[in-house]
Amino acid sequence: MFAQLPTTDAASVPADAVLLDVREQDEWDAGHVDGALHIPIGQVVARLDELPDGRLYVLCRVGGRSAQVVQYLVAGGRDAVNVDGGMFAWEAAGRPMVSSGGQDPFVL
């Protein structure tokens, strides 16, 4: 049995939180949190040295990929929290988003 993953809802993520977005490039380009670190899930292991120290709030589209990354990070001793509902929940909570191309941001 797996231990409970650290999880929070999008509305409760602190404004100054360090966010790790593990979605693919096209998803990121459509809409993301300004200032978030973007490392697609398939690159996380190879790019661990890019992750800052301290608590990381991990996002994907709905929460599945981010949960996998949180499980991996926590097993490695990192302080990581899954954002339940991912970017859909972030958008629904009215949290700010930007796009890469200047168009209105949306969750792909």
PDB file of N, CA and C in Angstrom:
ATOM      1  N   MET A   1       0.846  -1.191   0.000  1.00  0.00           N
ATOM      2  CA  MET A   1       0.000   0.000   0.000  1.00  0.00           C
ATOM      3  C   MET A   1       0.883   1.243   0.000  1.00  0.00           C
ATOM      4  N   PHE A   2       0.496   2.236  -0.777  1.00  0.00           N
ATOM      5  CA  PHE A   2       1.259   3.470  -0.864  1.00  0.00           C
ATOM      6  C   PHE A   2       0.859   4.426   0.248  1.00  0.00           C
ATOM      7  N   ALA A   3       1.823   5.169   0.741  1.00  0.00           N
ATOM      8  CA  ALA A   3       1.517   6.215   1.713  1.00  0.00           C
ATOM      9  C   ALA A   3       0.750   7.325   1.014  1.00  0.00           C
ATOM     10  N   GLN A   4      -0.028   8.050   1.791  1.00  0.00           N
ATOM     11  CA  GLN A   4      -0.785   9.179   1.245  1.00  0.00           C
ATOM     12  C   GLN A   4       0.192  10.215   0.684  1.00  0.00           C
ATOM     13  N   LEU A   5      -0.057  10.663  -0.535  1.00  0.00           N
ATOM     14  CA  LEU A   5       0.787  11.693  -1.132  1.00  0.00           C
ATOM     15  C   LEU A   5       0.413  13.056  -0.573  1.00  0.00           C
ATOM     16  N   PRO A   6       1.408  13.908  -0.327  1.00  0.00           N
ATOM     17  CA  PRO A   6       1.081  15.283   0.065  1.00  0.00           C
ATOM     18  C   PRO A   6       0.327  15.956  -1.081  1.00  0.00           C
ATOM     19  N   THR A   7      -0.850  16.474  -0.780  1.00  0.00           N
ATOM     20  CA  THR A   7      -1.726  17.054  -1.793  1.00  0.00           C
ATOM     21  C   THR A   7      -2.372  18.320  -1.250  1.00  0.00           C
ATOM     22  N   THR A   8      -2.602  19.272  -2.137  1.00  0.00           N
ATOM     23  CA  THR A   8      -3.342  20.473  -1.784  1.00  0.00           C
ATOM     24  C   THR A   8      -4.238  20.853  -2.942  1.00  0.00           C
ATOM     25  N   ASP A   9      -5.225  21.681  -2.673  1.00  0.00           N
ATOM     26  CA  ASP A   9      -6.068  22.160  -3.758  1.00  0.00           C
ATOM     27  C   ASP A   9      -5.455  23.437  -4.335  1.00  0.00           C
ATOM     28  N   ALA A  10      -5.815  23.746  -5.566  1.00  0.00           N
ATOM     29  CA  ALA A  10      -5.209  24.868  -6.289  1.00  0.00           C
ATOM     30  C   ALA A  10      -5.408  26.194  -5.570  1.00  0.00           C
ATOM     31  N   ALA A  11      -6.558  26.392  -4.955  1.00  0.00           N
ATOM     32  CA  ALA A  11      -6.844  27.655  -4.278  1.00  0.00           C
ATOM     33  C   ALA A  11      -5.952  27.870  -3.058  1.00  0.00           C
ATOM     34  N   SER A  12      -5.391  26.780  -2.510  1.00  0.00           N
ATOM     35  CA  SER A  12      -4.577  26.875  -1.298  1.00  0.00           C
ATOM     36  C   SER A  12      -3.077  27.007  -1.557  1.00  0.00           C
ATOM     37  N   VAL A  13      -2.662  26.954  -2.813  1.00  0.00           N
ATOM     38  CA  VAL A  13      -1.241  27.096  -3.127  1.00  0.00           C
ATOM     39  C   VAL A  13      -0.826  28.538  -2.826  1.00  0.00           C
ATOM     40  N   PRO A  14       0.209  28.729  -1.993  1.00  0.00           N
ATOM     41  CA  PRO A  14       0.629  30.098  -1.662  1.00  0.00           C
ATOM     42  C   PRO A  14       1.068  30.879  -2.903  1.00  0.00           C
ATOM     43  N   ALA A  15       0.832  32.166  -2.892  1.00  0.00           N
ATOM     44  CA  ALA A  15       1.176  33.017  -4.039  1.00  0.00           C
ATOM     45  C   ALA A  15       2.662  32.984  -4.346  1.00  0.00           C
ATOM     46  N   ASP A  16       3.499  32.759  -3.338  1.00  0.00           N
ATOM     47  CA  ASP A  16       4.958  32.739  -3.542  1.00  0.00           C
ATOM     48  C   ASP A  16       5.511  31.325  -3.681  1.00  0.00           C
ATOM     49  N   ALA A  17       4.637  30.354  -3.925  1.00  0.00           N
ATOM     50  CA  ALA A  17       5.063  28.956  -4.029  1.00  0.00           C
ATOM     51  C   ALA A  17       5.962  28.729  -5.239  1.00  0.00           C
ATOM     52  N   VAL A  18       6.853  27.742  -5.110  1.00  0.00           N
ATOM     53  CA  VAL A  18       7.662  27.301  -6.244  1.00  0.00           C
ATOM     54  C   VAL A  18       6.871  26.201  -6.942  1.00  0.00           C
ATOM     55  N   LEU A  19       6.488  26.468  -8.205  1.00  0.00           N
ATOM     56  CA  LEU A  19       5.668  25.535  -8.972  1.00  0.00           C
ATOM     57  C   LEU A  19       6.492  24.806 -10.021  1.00  0.00           C
ATOM     58  N   LEU A  20       6.274  23.504 -10.114  1.00  0.00           N
ATOM     59  CA  LEU A  20       6.884  22.669 -11.145  1.00  0.00           C
ATOM     60  C   LEU A  20       5.768  22.132 -12.019  1.00  0.00           C
ATOM     61  N   ASP A  21       5.774  22.515 -13.290  1.00  0.00           N
ATOM     62  CA  ASP A  21       4.769  22.083 -14.260  1.00  0.00           C
ATOM     63  C   ASP A  21       5.383  20.966 -15.091  1.00  0.00           C
ATOM     64  N   VAL A  22       4.773  19.765 -15.027  1.00  0.00           N
ATOM     65  CA  VAL A  22       5.352  18.596 -15.700  1.00  0.00           C
ATOM     66  C   VAL A  22       4.612  18.217 -16.988  1.00  0.00           C
ATOM     67  N   ARG A  23       3.806  19.150 -17.532  1.00  0.00           N
ATOM     68  CA  ARG A  23       3.081  18.881 -18.769  1.00  0.00           C
ATOM     69  C   ARG A  23       4.011  18.997 -19.979  1.00  0.00           C
ATOM     70  N   GLU A  24       3.494  18.607 -21.121  1.00  0.00           N
ATOM     71  CA  GLU A  24       4.264  18.676 -22.359  1.00  0.00           C
ATOM     72  C   GLU A  24       4.297  20.115 -22.889  1.00  0.00           C
ATOM     73  N   GLN A  25       5.180  20.366 -23.856  1.00  0.00           N
ATOM     74  CA  GLN A  25       5.416  21.726 -24.346  1.00  0.00           C
ATOM     75  C   GLN A  25       4.147  22.380 -24.898  1.00  0.00           C
ATOM     76  N   ASP A  26       3.339  21.637 -25.670  1.00  0.00           N
ATOM     77  CA  ASP A  26       2.135  22.251 -26.244  1.00  0.00           C
ATOM     78  C   ASP A  26       1.137  22.645 -25.160  1.00  0.00           C
ATOM     79  N   GLU A  27       1.060  21.854 -24.098  1.00  0.00           N
ATOM     80  CA  GLU A  27       0.175  22.185 -22.979  1.00  0.00           C
ATOM     81  C   GLU A  27       0.668  23.444 -22.266  1.00  0.00           C
ATOM     82  N   TRP A  28       1.974  23.496 -22.047  1.00  0.00           N
ATOM     83  CA  TRP A  28       2.605  24.660 -21.410  1.00  0.00           C
ATOM     84  C   TRP A  28       2.360  25.921 -22.235  1.00  0.00           C
ATOM     85  N   ASP A  29       2.579  25.829 -23.553  1.00  0.00           N
ATOM     86  CA  ASP A  29       2.424  26.990 -24.421  1.00  0.00           C
ATOM     87  C   ASP A  29       1.003  27.546 -24.376  1.00  0.00           C
ATOM     88  N   ALA A  30       0.000  26.675 -24.287  1.00  0.00           N
ATOM     89  CA  ALA A  30      -1.401  27.102 -24.277  1.00  0.00           C
ATOM     90  C   ALA A  30      -1.734  27.911 -23.029  1.00  0.00           C
ATOM     91  N   GLY A  31      -1.210  27.493 -21.884  1.00  0.00           N
ATOM     92  CA  GLY A  31      -1.477  28.213 -20.650  1.00  0.00           C
ATOM     93  C   GLY A  31      -0.720  27.620 -19.486  1.00  0.00           C
ATOM     94  N   HIS A  32      -0.051  28.480 -18.727  1.00  0.00           N
ATOM     95  CA  HIS A  32       0.717  28.032 -17.573  1.00  0.00           C
ATOM     96  C   HIS A  32       0.765  29.137 -16.525  1.00  0.00           C
ATOM     97  N   VAL A  33       1.298  28.796 -15.369  1.00  0.00           N
ATOM     98  CA  VAL A  33       1.453  29.773 -14.303  1.00  0.00           C
ATOM     99  C   VAL A  33       2.743  30.548 -14.548  1.00  0.00           C
ATOM    100  N   ASP A  34       2.635  31.866 -14.596  1.00  0.00           N
ATOM    101  CA  ASP A  34       3.804  32.710 -14.803  1.00  0.00           C
ATOM    102  C   ASP A  34       4.812  32.445 -13.693  1.00  0.00           C
ATOM    103  N   GLY A  35       6.056  32.181 -14.070  1.00  0.00           N
ATOM    104  CA  GLY A  35       7.107  31.936 -13.098  1.00  0.00           C
ATOM    105  C   GLY A  35       7.298  30.480 -12.720  1.00  0.00           C
ATOM    106  N   ALA A  36       6.418  29.605 -13.190  1.00  0.00           N
ATOM    107  CA  ALA A  36       6.561  28.176 -12.893  1.00  0.00           C
ATOM    108  C   ALA A  36       7.774  27.612 -13.633  1.00  0.00           C
ATOM    109  N   LEU A  37       8.354  26.568 -13.070  1.00  0.00           N
ATOM    110  CA  LEU A  37       9.441  25.843 -13.714  1.00  0.00           C
ATOM    111  C   LEU A  37       8.806  24.764 -14.579  1.00  0.00           C
ATOM    112  N   HIS A  38       9.197  24.709 -15.865  1.00  0.00           N
ATOM    113  CA  HIS A  38       8.615  23.726 -16.783  1.00  0.00           C
ATOM    114  C   HIS A  38       9.615  22.634 -17.085  1.00  0.00           C
ATOM    115  N   ILE A  39       9.317  21.428 -16.598  1.00  0.00           N
ATOM    116  CA  ILE A  39      10.112  20.246 -16.927  1.00  0.00           C
ATOM    117  C   ILE A  39       9.116  19.123 -17.226  1.00  0.00           C
ATOM    118  N   PRO A  40       8.946  18.759 -18.506  1.00  0.00           N
ATOM    119  CA  PRO A  40       8.011  17.684 -18.837  1.00  0.00           C
ATOM    120  C   PRO A  40       8.330  16.404 -18.055  1.00  0.00           C
ATOM    121  N   ILE A  41       7.296  15.639 -17.731  1.00  0.00           N
ATOM    122  CA  ILE A  41       7.448  14.467 -16.871  1.00  0.00           C
ATOM    123  C   ILE A  41       8.568  13.535 -17.340  1.00  0.00           C
ATOM    124  N   GLY A  42       8.717  13.351 -18.629  1.00  0.00           N
ATOM    125  CA  GLY A  42       9.737  12.455 -19.142  1.00  0.00           C
ATOM    126  C   GLY A  42      11.160  12.942 -18.950  1.00  0.00           C
ATOM    127  N   GLN A  43      11.319  14.207 -18.539  1.00  0.00           N
ATOM    128  CA  GLN A  43      12.648  14.786 -18.346  1.00  0.00           C
ATOM    129  C   GLN A  43      12.997  15.038 -16.881  1.00  0.00           C
ATOM    130  N   VAL A  44      12.049  14.806 -15.975  1.00  0.00           N
ATOM    131  CA  VAL A  44      12.257  15.161 -14.573  1.00  0.00           C
ATOM    132  C   VAL A  44      13.484  14.474 -13.984  1.00  0.00           C
ATOM    133  N   VAL A  45      13.616  13.169 -14.173  1.00  0.00           N
ATOM    134  CA  VAL A  45      14.730  12.432 -13.569  1.00  0.00           C
ATOM    135  C   VAL A  45      16.071  12.976 -14.060  1.00  0.00           C
ATOM    136  N   ALA A  46      16.178  13.252 -15.353  1.00  0.00           N
ATOM    137  CA  ALA A  46      17.431  13.740 -15.927  1.00  0.00           C
ATOM    138  C   ALA A  46      17.733  15.176 -15.517  1.00  0.00           C
ATOM    139  N   ARG A  47      16.715  15.924 -15.078  1.00  0.00           N
ATOM    140  CA  ARG A  47      16.898  17.346 -14.782  1.00  0.00           C
ATOM    141  C   ARG A  47      16.689  17.677 -13.303  1.00  0.00           C
ATOM    142  N   LEU A  48      16.842  16.680 -12.438  1.00  0.00           N
ATOM    143  CA  LEU A  48      16.642  16.895 -11.004  1.00  0.00           C
ATOM    144  C   LEU A  48      17.488  18.033 -10.450  1.00  0.00           C
ATOM    145  N   ASP A  49      18.678  18.208 -11.012  1.00  0.00           N
ATOM    146  CA  ASP A  49      19.576  19.256 -10.509  1.00  0.00           C
ATOM    147  C   ASP A  49      19.041  20.662 -10.777  1.00  0.00           C
ATOM    148  N   GLU A  50      18.015  20.793 -11.614  1.00  0.00           N
ATOM    149  CA  GLU A  50      17.414  22.099 -11.890  1.00  0.00           C
ATOM    150  C   GLU A  50      16.355  22.483 -10.859  1.00  0.00           C
ATOM    151  N   LEU A  51      15.959  21.525 -10.031  1.00  0.00           N
ATOM    152  CA  LEU A  51      14.914  21.796  -9.049  1.00  0.00           C
ATOM    153  C   LEU A  51      15.497  22.550  -7.857  1.00  0.00           C
ATOM    154  N   PRO A  52      14.878  23.650  -7.470  1.00  0.00           N
ATOM    155  CA  PRO A  52      15.377  24.398  -6.313  1.00  0.00           C
ATOM    156  C   PRO A  52      15.095  23.645  -5.020  1.00  0.00           C
ATOM    157  N   ASP A  53      15.835  23.983  -3.984  1.00  0.00           N
ATOM    158  CA  ASP A  53      15.591  23.398  -2.672  1.00  0.00           C
ATOM    159  C   ASP A  53      14.271  23.926  -2.128  1.00  0.00           C
ATOM    160  N   GLY A  54      13.732  23.240  -1.158  1.00  0.00           N
ATOM    161  CA  GLY A  54      12.493  23.668  -0.524  1.00  0.00           C
ATOM    162  C   GLY A  54      11.288  22.983  -1.134  1.00  0.00           C
ATOM    163  N   ARG A  55      10.131  23.402  -0.680  1.00  0.00           N
ATOM    164  CA  ARG A  55       8.869  22.790  -1.114  1.00  0.00           C
ATOM    165  C   ARG A  55       8.565  23.108  -2.574  1.00  0.00           C
ATOM    166  N   LEU A  56       8.166  22.073  -3.302  1.00  0.00           N
ATOM    167  CA  LEU A  56       7.744  22.206  -4.695  1.00  0.00           C
ATOM    168  C   LEU A  56       6.273  21.822  -4.799  1.00  0.00           C
ATOM    169  N   TYR A  57       5.500  22.651  -5.462  1.00  0.00           N
ATOM    170  CA  TYR A  57       4.110  22.335  -5.774  1.00  0.00           C
ATOM    171  C   TYR A  57       4.095  21.873  -7.223  1.00  0.00           C
ATOM    172  N   VAL A  58       3.665  20.644  -7.456  1.00  0.00           N
ATOM    173  CA  VAL A  58       3.774  20.027  -8.777  1.00  0.00           C
ATOM    174  C   VAL A  58       2.402  20.006  -9.459  1.00  0.00           C
ATOM    175  N   LEU A  59       2.387  20.479 -10.714  1.00  0.00           N
ATOM    176  CA  LEU A  59       1.165  20.619 -11.513  1.00  0.00           C
ATOM    177  C   LEU A  59       1.260  19.839 -12.814  1.00  0.00           C
ATOM    178  N   CYS A  60       0.128  19.303 -13.243  1.00  0.00           N
ATOM    179  CA  CYS A  60      -0.027  18.817 -14.614  1.00  0.00           C
ATOM    180  C   CYS A  60      -1.420  19.241 -15.057  1.00  0.00           C
ATOM    181  N   ARG A  61      -2.044  18.519 -15.938  1.00  0.00           N
ATOM    182  CA  ARG A  61      -3.361  18.931 -16.420  1.00  0.00           C
ATOM    183  C   ARG A  61      -4.457  18.644 -15.401  1.00  0.00           C
ATOM    184  N   VAL A  62      -4.503  17.403 -14.893  1.00  0.00           N
ATOM    185  CA  VAL A  62      -5.550  17.046 -13.939  1.00  0.00           C
ATOM    186  C   VAL A  62      -5.034  16.471 -12.620  1.00  0.00           C
ATOM    187  N   GLY A  63      -3.756  16.171 -12.534  1.00  0.00           N
ATOM    188  CA  GLY A  63      -3.190  15.691 -11.276  1.00  0.00           C
ATOM    189  C   GLY A  63      -2.561  14.313 -11.298  1.00  0.00           C
ATOM    190  N   GLY A  64      -2.701  13.578 -12.390  1.00  0.00           N
ATOM    191  CA  GLY A  64      -2.150  12.228 -12.460  1.00  0.00           C
ATOM    192  C   GLY A  64      -0.649  12.191 -12.656  1.00  0.00           C
ATOM    193  N   ARG A  65      -0.168  12.925 -13.661  1.00  0.00           N
ATOM    194  CA  ARG A  65       1.284  12.952 -13.911  1.00  0.00           C
ATOM    195  C   ARG A  65       2.013  13.611 -12.750  1.00  0.00           C
ATOM    196  N   SER A  66       1.438  14.676 -12.222  1.00  0.00           N
ATOM    197  CA  SER A  66       2.077  15.365 -11.104  1.00  0.00           C
ATOM    198  C   SER A  66       2.138  14.457  -9.880  1.00  0.00           C
ATOM    199  N   ALA A  67       1.123  13.628  -9.666  1.00  0.00           N
ATOM    200  CA  ALA A  67       1.150  12.690  -8.537  1.00  0.00           C
ATOM    201  C   ALA A  67       2.307  11.711  -8.677  1.00  0.00           C
ATOM    202  N   GLN A  68       2.573  11.255  -9.896  1.00  0.00           N
ATOM    203  CA  GLN A  68       3.707  10.348 -10.126  1.00  0.00           C
ATOM    204  C   GLN A  68       5.026  11.032  -9.784  1.00  0.00           C
ATOM    205  N   VAL A  69       5.151  12.291 -10.191  1.00  0.00           N
ATOM    206  CA  VAL A  69       6.380  13.039  -9.926  1.00  0.00           C
ATOM    207  C   VAL A  69       6.523  13.295  -8.426  1.00  0.00           C
ATOM    208  N   VAL A  70       5.443  13.656  -7.770  1.00  0.00           N
ATOM    209  CA  VAL A  70       5.491  13.879  -6.318  1.00  0.00           C
ATOM    210  C   VAL A  70       5.904  12.591  -5.606  1.00  0.00           C
ATOM    211  N   GLN A  71       5.330  11.471  -6.007  1.00  0.00           N
ATOM    212  CA  GLN A  71       5.694  10.192  -5.403  1.00  0.00           C
ATOM    213  C   GLN A  71       7.201   9.939  -5.547  1.00  0.00           C
ATOM    214  N   TYR A  72       7.740  10.181  -6.727  1.00  0.00           N
ATOM    215  CA  TYR A  72       9.163  10.000  -6.983  1.00  0.00           C
ATOM    216  C   TYR A  72      10.012  10.948  -6.134  1.00  0.00           C
ATOM    217  N   LEU A  73       9.626  12.223  -6.102  1.00  0.00           N
ATOM    218  CA  LEU A  73      10.397  13.218  -5.358  1.00  0.00           C
ATOM    219  C   LEU A  73      10.367  12.944  -3.861  1.00  0.00           C
ATOM    220  N   VAL A  74       9.198  12.624  -3.324  1.00  0.00           N
ATOM    221  CA  VAL A  74       9.072  12.340  -1.894  1.00  0.00           C
ATOM    222  C   VAL A  74       9.902  11.106  -1.521  1.00  0.00           C
ATOM    223  N   ALA A  75       9.874  10.081  -2.385  1.00  0.00           N
ATOM    224  CA  ALA A  75      10.675   8.879  -2.131  1.00  0.00           C
ATOM    225  C   ALA A  75      12.167   9.206  -2.087  1.00  0.00           C
ATOM    226  N   GLY A  76      12.558  10.264  -2.822  1.00  0.00           N
ATOM    227  CA  GLY A  76      13.952  10.700  -2.833  1.00  0.00           C
ATOM    228  C   GLY A  76      14.275  11.724  -1.757  1.00  0.00           C
ATOM    229  N   GLY A  77      13.330  11.962  -0.863  1.00  0.00           N
ATOM    230  CA  GLY A  77      13.591  12.859   0.254  1.00  0.00           C
ATOM    231  C   GLY A  77      13.249  14.314   0.013  1.00  0.00           C
ATOM    232  N   ARG A  78      12.612  14.621  -1.100  1.00  0.00           N
ATOM    233  CA  ARG A  78      12.249  16.005  -1.414  1.00  0.00           C
ATOM    234  C   ARG A  78      10.899  16.374  -0.795  1.00  0.00           C
ATOM    235  N   ASP A  79      10.699  17.658  -0.558  1.00  0.00           N
ATOM    236  CA  ASP A  79       9.438  18.194  -0.059  1.00  0.00           C
ATOM    237  C   ASP A  79       8.617  18.602  -1.274  1.00  0.00           C
ATOM    238  N   ALA A  80       7.660  17.753  -1.661  1.00  0.00           N
ATOM    239  CA  ALA A  80       6.856  18.006  -2.859  1.00  0.00           C
ATOM    240  C   ALA A  80       5.388  17.772  -2.545  1.00  0.00           C
ATOM    241  N   VAL A  81       4.539  18.579  -3.185  1.00  0.00           N
ATOM    242  CA  VAL A  81       3.092  18.526  -2.963  1.00  0.00           C
ATOM    243  C   VAL A  81       2.387  18.489  -4.315  1.00  0.00           C
ATOM    244  N   ASN A  82       1.443  17.565  -4.455  1.00  0.00           N
ATOM    245  CA  ASN A  82       0.653  17.476  -5.677  1.00  0.00           C
ATOM    246  C   ASN A  82      -0.486  18.492  -5.620  1.00  0.00           C
ATOM    247  N   VAL A  83      -0.665  19.239  -6.705  1.00  0.00           N
ATOM    248  CA  VAL A  83      -1.792  20.173  -6.798  1.00  0.00           C
ATOM    249  C   VAL A  83      -2.968  19.388  -7.379  1.00  0.00           C
ATOM    250  N   ASP A  84      -3.918  19.057  -6.507  1.00  0.00           N
ATOM    251  CA  ASP A  84      -5.063  18.234  -6.869  1.00  0.00           C
ATOM    252  C   ASP A  84      -5.903  18.925  -7.950  1.00  0.00           C
ATOM    253  N   GLY A  85      -6.184  18.198  -9.016  1.00  0.00           N
ATOM    254  CA  GLY A  85      -6.972  18.766 -10.110  1.00  0.00           C
ATOM    255  C   GLY A  85      -6.149  19.492 -11.149  1.00  0.00           C
ATOM    256  N   GLY A  86      -4.857  19.692 -10.875  1.00  0.00           N
ATOM    257  CA  GLY A  86      -3.940  20.273 -11.843  1.00  0.00           C
ATOM    258  C   GLY A  86      -4.347  21.641 -12.361  1.00  0.00           C
ATOM    259  N   MET A  87      -3.985  21.891 -13.611  1.00  0.00           N
ATOM    260  CA  MET A  87      -4.254  23.196 -14.223  1.00  0.00           C
ATOM    261  C   MET A  87      -5.748  23.450 -14.427  1.00  0.00           C
ATOM    262  N   PHE A  88      -6.542  22.397 -14.582  1.00  0.00           N
ATOM    263  CA  PHE A  88      -7.995  22.617 -14.677  1.00  0.00           C
ATOM    264  C   PHE A  88      -8.508  23.216 -13.378  1.00  0.00           C
ATOM    265  N   ALA A  89      -8.039  22.689 -12.235  1.00  0.00           N
ATOM    266  CA  ALA A  89      -8.452  23.223 -10.935  1.00  0.00           C
ATOM    267  C   ALA A  89      -7.879  24.621 -10.720  1.00  0.00           C
ATOM    268  N   TRP A  90      -6.644  24.841 -11.185  1.00  0.00           N
ATOM    269  CA  TRP A  90      -6.010  26.159 -11.075  1.00  0.00           C
ATOM    270  C   TRP A  90      -6.863  27.210 -11.804  1.00  0.00           C
ATOM    271  N   GLU A  91      -7.238  26.880 -13.035  1.00  0.00           N
ATOM    272  CA  GLU A  91      -8.062  27.782 -13.839  1.00  0.00           C
ATOM    273  C   GLU A  91      -9.435  27.994 -13.187  1.00  0.00           C
ATOM    274  N   ALA A  92     -10.055  26.919 -12.714  1.00  0.00           N
ATOM    275  CA  ALA A  92     -11.374  27.007 -12.088  1.00  0.00           C
ATOM    276  C   ALA A  92     -11.348  27.846 -10.809  1.00  0.00           C
ATOM    277  N   ALA A  93     -10.200  27.851 -10.126  1.00  0.00           N
ATOM    278  CA  ALA A  93     -10.060  28.634  -8.898  1.00  0.00           C
ATOM    279  C   ALA A  93      -9.787  30.109  -9.190  1.00  0.00           C
ATOM    280  N   GLY A  94      -9.672  30.443 -10.494  1.00  0.00           N
ATOM    281  CA  GLY A  94      -9.433  31.836 -10.868  1.00  0.00           C
ATOM    282  C   GLY A  94      -8.006  32.288 -10.655  1.00  0.00           C
ATOM    283  N   ARG A  95      -7.078  31.325 -10.549  1.00  0.00           N
ATOM    284  CA  ARG A  95      -5.675  31.668 -10.358  1.00  0.00           C
ATOM    285  C   ARG A  95      -5.100  32.164 -11.683  1.00  0.00           C
ATOM    286  N   PRO A  96      -4.133  33.081 -11.653  1.00  0.00           N
ATOM    287  CA  PRO A  96      -3.620  33.673 -12.897  1.00  0.00           C
ATOM    288  C   PRO A  96      -2.838  32.691 -13.765  1.00  0.00           C
ATOM    289  N   MET A  97      -2.979  32.870 -15.068  1.00  0.00           N
ATOM    290  CA  MET A  97      -2.273  32.072 -16.066  1.00  0.00           C
ATOM    291  C   MET A  97      -1.812  32.983 -17.190  1.00  0.00           C
ATOM    292  N   VAL A  98      -0.796  32.537 -17.903  1.00  0.00           N
ATOM    293  CA  VAL A  98      -0.311  33.221 -19.098  1.00  0.00           C
ATOM    294  C   VAL A  98      -0.127  32.177 -20.193  1.00  0.00           C
ATOM    295  N   SER A  99       0.029  32.640 -21.433  1.00  0.00           N
ATOM    296  CA  SER A  99       0.341  31.725 -22.531  1.00  0.00           C
ATOM    297  C   SER A  99       1.705  32.118 -23.094  1.00  0.00           C
ATOM    298  N   SER A 100       2.277  31.220 -23.869  1.00  0.00           N
ATOM    299  CA  SER A 100       3.586  31.505 -24.469  1.00  0.00           C
ATOM    300  C   SER A 100       3.482  32.425 -25.675  1.00  0.00           C
ATOM    301  N   GLY A 101       2.334  32.430 -26.364  1.00  0.00           N
ATOM    302  CA  GLY A 101       2.208  33.187 -27.593  1.00  0.00           C
ATOM    303  C   GLY A 101       1.452  34.489 -27.487  1.00  0.00           C
ATOM    304  N   GLY A 102       1.035  34.853 -26.275  1.00  0.00           N
ATOM    305  CA  GLY A 102       0.330  36.109 -26.103  1.00  0.00           C
ATOM    306  C   GLY A 102      -1.178  36.007 -26.261  1.00  0.00           C
ATOM    307  N   GLN A 103      -1.687  34.844 -26.717  1.00  0.00           N
ATOM    308  CA  GLN A 103      -3.133  34.667 -26.819  1.00  0.00           C
ATOM    309  C   GLN A 103      -3.705  34.449 -25.423  1.00  0.00           C
ATOM    310  N   ASP A 104      -5.029  34.457 -25.301  1.00  0.00           N
ATOM    311  CA  ASP A 104      -5.642  34.184 -24.017  1.00  0.00           C
ATOM    312  C   ASP A 104      -5.233  32.767 -23.570  1.00  0.00           C
ATOM    313  N   PRO A 105      -4.765  32.622 -22.317  1.00  0.00           N
ATOM    314  CA  PRO A 105      -4.319  31.308 -21.852  1.00  0.00           C
ATOM    315  C   PRO A 105      -5.503  30.363 -21.639  1.00  0.00           C
ATOM    316  N   PHE A 106      -5.278  29.094 -21.889  1.00  0.00           N
ATOM    317  CA  PHE A 106      -6.280  28.055 -21.622  1.00  0.00           C
ATOM    318  C   PHE A 106      -5.563  26.768 -21.304  1.00  0.00           C
ATOM    319  N   VAL A 107      -6.293  25.829 -20.707  1.00  0.00           N
ATOM    320  CA  VAL A 107      -5.721  24.526 -20.362  1.00  0.00           C
ATOM    321  C   VAL A 107      -5.978  23.558 -21.511  1.00  0.00           C
ATOM    322  N   LEU A 108      -4.901  23.043 -22.057  1.00  0.00           N
ATOM    323  CA  LEU A 108      -4.976  22.097 -23.175  1.00  0.00           C
ATOM    324  C   LEU A 108      -4.956  20.682 -22.647  1.00  0.00           C
TER     325      LEU A 108
END
